[in-house]
Amino acid sequence: MATGRTHRPATRSRGIPEATVARLPLYLRALTALSERSVPTVSSEELAAAAGVNSAKLRKDFSYLGSYGTRGVGYDVEYLVYQISRELGLTQDWPVVIVGIGNLGAALANYGGFASRGFRVAALIDADPAMAGKPVAGMPVQHTDELEKIIADNGVSIGVIATPAGAAQQVSERLIAAGVTSILNFAPTVLQVPEGVDVRKVDLSIELQILAFHEQRKAGDAEAAAAAAGLPTAVRGEEGPTRKGPDGDVPAVMPA
């Protein structure tokens, strides 16, 4: 079986833009769902809607793959699954190590989607001696003292960091020194890595903060619209949500 150490995807050498690369997994997810339903072909409009992009952008993205579909028929689903999987490097085995087996690391270890998408969790690693040998997702946790040997023995080029922020930089440096060239970082910190090392950061708190911003803006828009229409507007004070009434502010939810 091929490993990530000796095979690299060809996207960069073929000049595929990073924005297109970022959308390819979205297309693959939508196509895989169609394939599982035995749908033979799909139009660009249908696939774009399923992937959450516009059809013009989808057609442009697929042109980088050399796939243009057939007028009046659309795209062959199985062939597109193969094309995108090959371009993303998913037609081979990518061994992955997860470092930091707390609540998040354990949840990642138990995620069943890795294997079906071309990734094999080769090892679970944690700095806590009490975790050594403890089974998580059917695998024994190994101590960080073994990190370099584990990476060498398994030909690992992708590492997942799920440690506390304070440990993440040191872990990344050890991973890189051992030969890892791609890191998925769940720690709430920015990693400093040398050129040639790819880092993808996943910060759940930032995503929630962005959603909070949009919720606040929607609430502000709703209040502005209500004010323009001369309707009572909700305000939020120290005692909780209130609304304007004929006798001043009253609780938005009255006690029973």
Foldseek 3Di string as FASTA:
>chain_A
DDEPLPDDACCVVLPQDPVLLVQLVLLLVLLVVCVVVVNFFDALCRSCVSSVHHSVVVQVSCVSLVDRADVPTHGGSVVSNVSSCRNRVQVEAAEEEEEACDPVSLVVLLDPCQVVRRYDDQAYEYQDPVQAQPDRNNHRYHYPVCVLVSCVVRVHQEYEYPHEQVCVQVVVVVSVVSHHQEYEYAYPDDHDDDPRRHYHYDDVVVVVVVVVVVVVVVLVVVQVVCVVVVHWHWDADPVGIWTQDPVGTDRPDDDD
